Amino acid sequence: MKTELVTTLKRQATKILAELHESKEPVLITEQGRPSAYLIDVDDYELMQSRMRILEGIARGEKAIFENRTFSQAEAIEKMSKWLK
């Protein structure tokens, strides 16, 4: 992963963004020697967000199973009948 100082980002934003889009490699931005932010390509960010939503849905489903908050197929069809028509 590439690391850049925030001052370098301020001076060379266009160059850093061009390299980011070409390499797809995230850039760690540091301030006063400490990590401050990541720059990532928009498509990569959107893909990460999509994957996160899927994983959160799976986690909710696993929790529902653990808490015995599930329905049989027949019960689910009955409860969702207004959406299935």
N, C-alpha and C. Protein backbone atom coordinates (compact mmCIF):
# COMPACT_ATOMS: atom_id res chain seq x y z
N MET A 1 0.84 -1.17 0.00
CA MET A 1 0.00 0.00 0.00
C MET A 1 0.89 1.24 0.00
N LYS A 2 0.48 2.19 -0.78
CA LYS A 2 1.22 3.44 -0.88
C LYS A 2 0.84 4.36 0.28
N THR A 3 1.81 5.11 0.81
CA THR A 3 1.58 6.06 1.89
C THR A 3 2.02 7.45 1.43
N GLU A 4 1.19 8.44 1.70
CA GLU A 4 1.50 9.82 1.34
C GLU A 4 1.22 10.74 2.53
N LEU A 5 2.02 11.78 2.63
CA LEU A 5 1.76 12.82 3.63
C LEU A 5 0.59 13.68 3.16
N VAL A 6 -0.16 14.22 4.09
CA VAL A 6 -1.27 15.08 3.72
C VAL A 6 -0.78 16.29 2.94
N THR A 7 0.40 16.79 3.27
CA THR A 7 0.95 17.94 2.53
C THR A 7 1.26 17.56 1.08
N THR A 8 1.73 16.34 0.86
CA THR A 8 1.97 15.88 -0.50
C THR A 8 0.65 15.77 -1.26
N LEU A 9 -0.39 15.28 -0.58
CA LEU A 9 -1.71 15.20 -1.20
C LEU A 9 -2.20 16.58 -1.61
N LYS A 10 -2.00 17.56 -0.75
CA LYS A 10 -2.42 18.93 -1.06
C LYS A 10 -1.71 19.45 -2.31
N ARG A 11 -0.43 19.15 -2.44
CA ARG A 11 0.37 19.68 -3.55
C ARG A 11 0.22 18.88 -4.84
N GLN A 12 -0.03 17.57 -4.69
CA GLN A 12 0.00 16.69 -5.86
C GLN A 12 -1.27 15.84 -5.99
N ALA A 13 -2.40 16.41 -5.63
CA ALA A 13 -3.65 15.64 -5.63
C ALA A 13 -3.95 15.01 -6.98
N THR A 14 -3.81 15.77 -8.05
CA THR A 14 -4.13 15.25 -9.38
C THR A 14 -3.25 14.06 -9.72
N LYS A 15 -1.96 14.16 -9.45
CA LYS A 15 -1.02 13.06 -9.74
C LYS A 15 -1.35 11.84 -8.89
N ILE A 16 -1.60 12.05 -7.60
CA ILE A 16 -1.91 10.94 -6.70
C ILE A 16 -3.20 10.25 -7.11
N LEU A 17 -4.21 11.03 -7.47
CA LEU A 17 -5.47 10.43 -7.92
C LEU A 17 -5.31 9.67 -9.23
N ALA A 18 -4.51 10.19 -10.15
CA ALA A 18 -4.26 9.48 -11.41
C ALA A 18 -3.59 8.13 -11.15
N GLU A 19 -2.60 8.13 -10.25
CA GLU A 19 -1.93 6.87 -9.90
C GLU A 19 -2.88 5.91 -9.21
N LEU A 20 -3.75 6.44 -8.37
CA LEU A 20 -4.74 5.61 -7.67
C LEU A 20 -5.67 4.93 -8.68
N HIS A 21 -6.17 5.70 -9.64
CA HIS A 21 -7.09 5.13 -10.63
C HIS A 21 -6.39 4.10 -11.51
N GLU A 22 -5.12 4.31 -11.77
CA GLU A 22 -4.37 3.38 -12.61
C GLU A 22 -4.03 2.10 -11.86
N SER A 23 -3.54 2.22 -10.63
CA SER A 23 -3.07 1.05 -9.89
C SER A 23 -4.17 0.36 -9.08
N LYS A 24 -5.23 1.10 -8.75
CA LYS A 24 -6.32 0.60 -7.88
C LYS A 24 -5.82 0.30 -6.47
N GLU A 25 -4.61 0.72 -6.15
CA GLU A 25 -4.02 0.48 -4.83
C GLU A 25 -4.40 1.62 -3.88
N PRO A 26 -5.00 1.32 -2.73
CA PRO A 26 -5.35 2.37 -1.78
C PRO A 26 -4.12 3.17 -1.35
N VAL A 27 -4.36 4.41 -0.98
CA VAL A 27 -3.30 5.30 -0.52
C VAL A 27 -3.60 5.69 0.92
N LEU A 28 -2.66 5.42 1.81
CA LEU A 28 -2.80 5.82 3.20
C LEU A 28 -2.27 7.24 3.34
N ILE A 29 -3.10 8.14 3.86
CA ILE A 29 -2.71 9.52 4.07
C ILE A 29 -2.34 9.68 5.55
N THR A 30 -1.18 10.27 5.78
CA THR A 30 -0.74 10.46 7.17
C THR A 30 -0.66 11.95 7.49
N GLU A 31 -0.94 12.25 8.74
CA GLU A 31 -0.79 13.60 9.28
C GLU A 31 0.07 13.50 10.53
N GLN A 32 1.11 14.28 10.57
CA GLN A 32 2.03 14.29 11.70
C GLN A 32 2.51 12.88 12.05
N GLY A 33 2.76 12.10 11.01
CA GLY A 33 3.31 10.76 11.19
C GLY A 33 2.30 9.69 11.57
N ARG A 34 1.03 10.07 11.68
CA ARG A 34 0.00 9.09 12.07
C ARG A 34 -1.00 8.89 10.93
N PRO A 35 -1.50 7.66 10.78
CA PRO A 35 -2.53 7.40 9.76
C PRO A 35 -3.73 8.31 9.98
N SER A 36 -4.24 8.88 8.90
CA SER A 36 -5.35 9.81 9.00
C SER A 36 -6.54 9.39 8.15
N ALA A 37 -6.27 8.89 6.93
CA ALA A 37 -7.35 8.52 6.02
C ALA A 37 -6.81 7.61 4.93
N TYR A 38 -7.73 6.95 4.26
CA TYR A 38 -7.40 6.17 3.08
C TYR A 38 -8.06 6.79 1.87
N LEU A 39 -7.36 6.82 0.78
CA LEU A 39 -7.94 7.17 -0.52
C LEU A 39 -8.11 5.86 -1.27
N ILE A 40 -9.33 5.61 -1.72
CA ILE A 40 -9.56 4.41 -2.51
C ILE A 40 -10.38 4.76 -3.73
N ASP A 41 -10.24 3.97 -4.76
CA ASP A 41 -10.98 4.17 -6.00
C ASP A 41 -12.48 4.06 -5.72
N VAL A 42 -13.27 4.87 -6.40
CA VAL A 42 -14.72 4.89 -6.19
C VAL A 42 -15.34 3.52 -6.43
N ASP A 43 -14.96 2.85 -7.50
CA ASP A 43 -15.54 1.52 -7.78
C ASP A 43 -15.20 0.53 -6.67
N ASP A 44 -13.98 0.59 -6.16
CA ASP A 44 -13.59 -0.30 -5.07
C ASP A 44 -14.39 0.00 -3.81
N TYR A 45 -14.60 1.29 -3.53
CA TYR A 45 -15.39 1.69 -2.36
C TYR A 45 -16.82 1.18 -2.49
N GLU A 46 -17.44 1.37 -3.65
CA GLU A 46 -18.81 0.92 -3.84
C GLU A 46 -18.92 -0.60 -3.72
N LEU A 47 -17.94 -1.32 -4.23
CA LEU A 47 -17.92 -2.78 -4.10
C LEU A 47 -17.81 -3.18 -2.63
N MET A 48 -16.95 -2.49 -1.88
CA MET A 48 -16.81 -2.77 -0.45
C MET A 48 -18.12 -2.53 0.28
N GLN A 49 -18.80 -1.44 -0.04
CA GLN A 49 -20.07 -1.13 0.60
C GLN A 49 -21.11 -2.20 0.29
N SER A 50 -21.15 -2.64 -0.95
CA SER A 50 -22.08 -3.70 -1.35
C SER A 50 -21.80 -4.99 -0.58
N ARG A 51 -20.53 -5.35 -0.49
CA ARG A 51 -20.16 -6.56 0.25
C ARG A 51 -20.51 -6.42 1.73
N MET A 52 -20.33 -5.23 2.28
CA MET A 52 -20.65 -5.00 3.68
C MET A 52 -22.15 -5.19 3.93
N ARG A 53 -22.97 -4.68 3.02
CA ARG A 53 -24.43 -4.85 3.17
C ARG A 53 -24.80 -6.34 3.14
N ILE A 54 -24.17 -7.09 2.25
CA ILE A 54 -24.43 -8.53 2.16
C ILE A 54 -24.03 -9.22 3.47
N LEU A 55 -22.83 -8.91 3.96
CA LEU A 55 -22.36 -9.52 5.20
C LEU A 55 -23.25 -9.15 6.39
N GLU A 56 -23.72 -7.90 6.43
CA GLU A 56 -24.62 -7.49 7.51
C GLU A 56 -25.94 -8.25 7.43
N GLY A 57 -26.43 -8.48 6.22
CA GLY A 57 -27.65 -9.27 6.04
C GLY A 57 -27.46 -10.70 6.51
N ILE A 58 -26.33 -11.29 6.19
CA ILE A 58 -26.03 -12.65 6.64
C ILE A 58 -25.96 -12.69 8.16
N ALA A 59 -25.32 -11.68 8.76
CA ALA A 59 -25.21 -11.63 10.23
C ALA A 59 -26.59 -11.52 10.87
N ARG A 60 -27.47 -10.70 10.28
CA ARG A 60 -28.84 -10.59 10.83
C ARG A 60 -29.57 -11.92 10.72
N GLY A 61 -29.37 -12.61 9.59
CA GLY A 61 -30.00 -13.91 9.41
C GLY A 61 -29.50 -14.94 10.41
N GLU A 62 -28.19 -14.95 10.63
CA GLU A 62 -27.61 -15.88 11.61
C GLU A 62 -28.13 -15.58 13.01
N LYS A 63 -28.26 -14.30 13.34
CA LYS A 63 -28.78 -13.91 14.66
C LYS A 63 -30.23 -14.36 14.80
N ALA A 64 -31.02 -14.19 13.75
CA ALA A 64 -32.42 -14.62 13.79
C ALA A 64 -32.51 -16.13 14.01
N ILE A 65 -31.65 -16.89 13.35
CA ILE A 65 -31.64 -18.35 13.54
C ILE A 65 -31.27 -18.68 14.98
N PHE A 66 -30.22 -18.03 15.50
CA PHE A 66 -29.77 -18.26 16.86
C PHE A 66 -30.87 -17.94 17.87
N GLU A 67 -31.64 -16.86 17.61
CA GLU A 67 -32.71 -16.44 18.52
C GLU A 67 -34.04 -17.13 18.21
N ASN A 68 -34.00 -18.10 17.30
CA ASN A 68 -35.19 -18.86 16.91
C ASN A 68 -36.31 -17.95 16.38
N ARG A 69 -35.93 -16.93 15.63
CA ARG A 69 -36.91 -16.03 15.01
C ARG A 69 -37.00 -16.35 13.52
N THR A 70 -37.41 -17.57 13.22
CA THR A 70 -37.50 -18.00 11.83
C THR A 70 -38.91 -18.48 11.53
N PHE A 71 -39.21 -18.63 10.24
CA PHE A 71 -40.51 -19.10 9.80
C PHE A 71 -40.32 -20.30 8.89
N SER A 72 -41.32 -21.16 8.86
CA SER A 72 -41.32 -22.24 7.88
C SER A 72 -41.57 -21.62 6.50
N GLN A 73 -41.35 -22.40 5.46
CA GLN A 73 -41.58 -21.88 4.11
C GLN A 73 -43.04 -21.46 3.95
N ALA A 74 -43.95 -22.28 4.44
CA ALA A 74 -45.38 -21.97 4.32
C ALA A 74 -45.71 -20.67 5.06
N GLU A 75 -45.16 -20.51 6.27
CA GLU A 75 -45.41 -19.27 7.03
C GLU A 75 -44.83 -18.05 6.31
N ALA A 76 -43.66 -18.21 5.74
CA ALA A 76 -43.03 -17.10 5.03
C ALA A 76 -43.85 -16.72 3.80
N ILE A 77 -44.32 -17.71 3.06
CA ILE A 77 -45.14 -17.43 1.88
C ILE A 77 -46.42 -16.71 2.29
N GLU A 78 -47.03 -17.16 3.37
CA GLU A 78 -48.26 -16.52 3.85
C GLU A 78 -47.99 -15.06 4.24
N LYS A 79 -46.93 -14.82 4.99
CA LYS A 79 -46.60 -13.47 5.44
C LYS A 79 -46.19 -12.55 4.29
N MET A 80 -45.62 -13.13 3.24
CA MET A 80 -45.14 -12.31 2.12
C MET A 80 -46.09 -12.32 0.93
N SER A 81 -47.28 -12.90 1.09
CA SER A 81 -48.18 -13.06 -0.03
C SER A 81 -48.54 -11.74 -0.71
N LYS A 82 -48.62 -10.66 0.07
CA LYS A 82 -48.97 -9.38 -0.54
C LYS A 82 -47.87 -8.88 -1.46
N TRP A 83 -46.62 -9.31 -1.24
CA TRP A 83 -45.50 -8.88 -2.11
C TRP A 83 -45.29 -9.85 -3.27
N LEU A 84 -45.81 -11.06 -3.14
CA LEU A 84 -45.57 -12.08 -4.16
C LEU A 84 -46.61 -12.06 -5.27
N LYS A 85 -47.61 -11.23 -5.15
CA LYS A 85 -48.68 -11.22 -6.18
C LYS A 85 -48.31 -10.33 -7.33
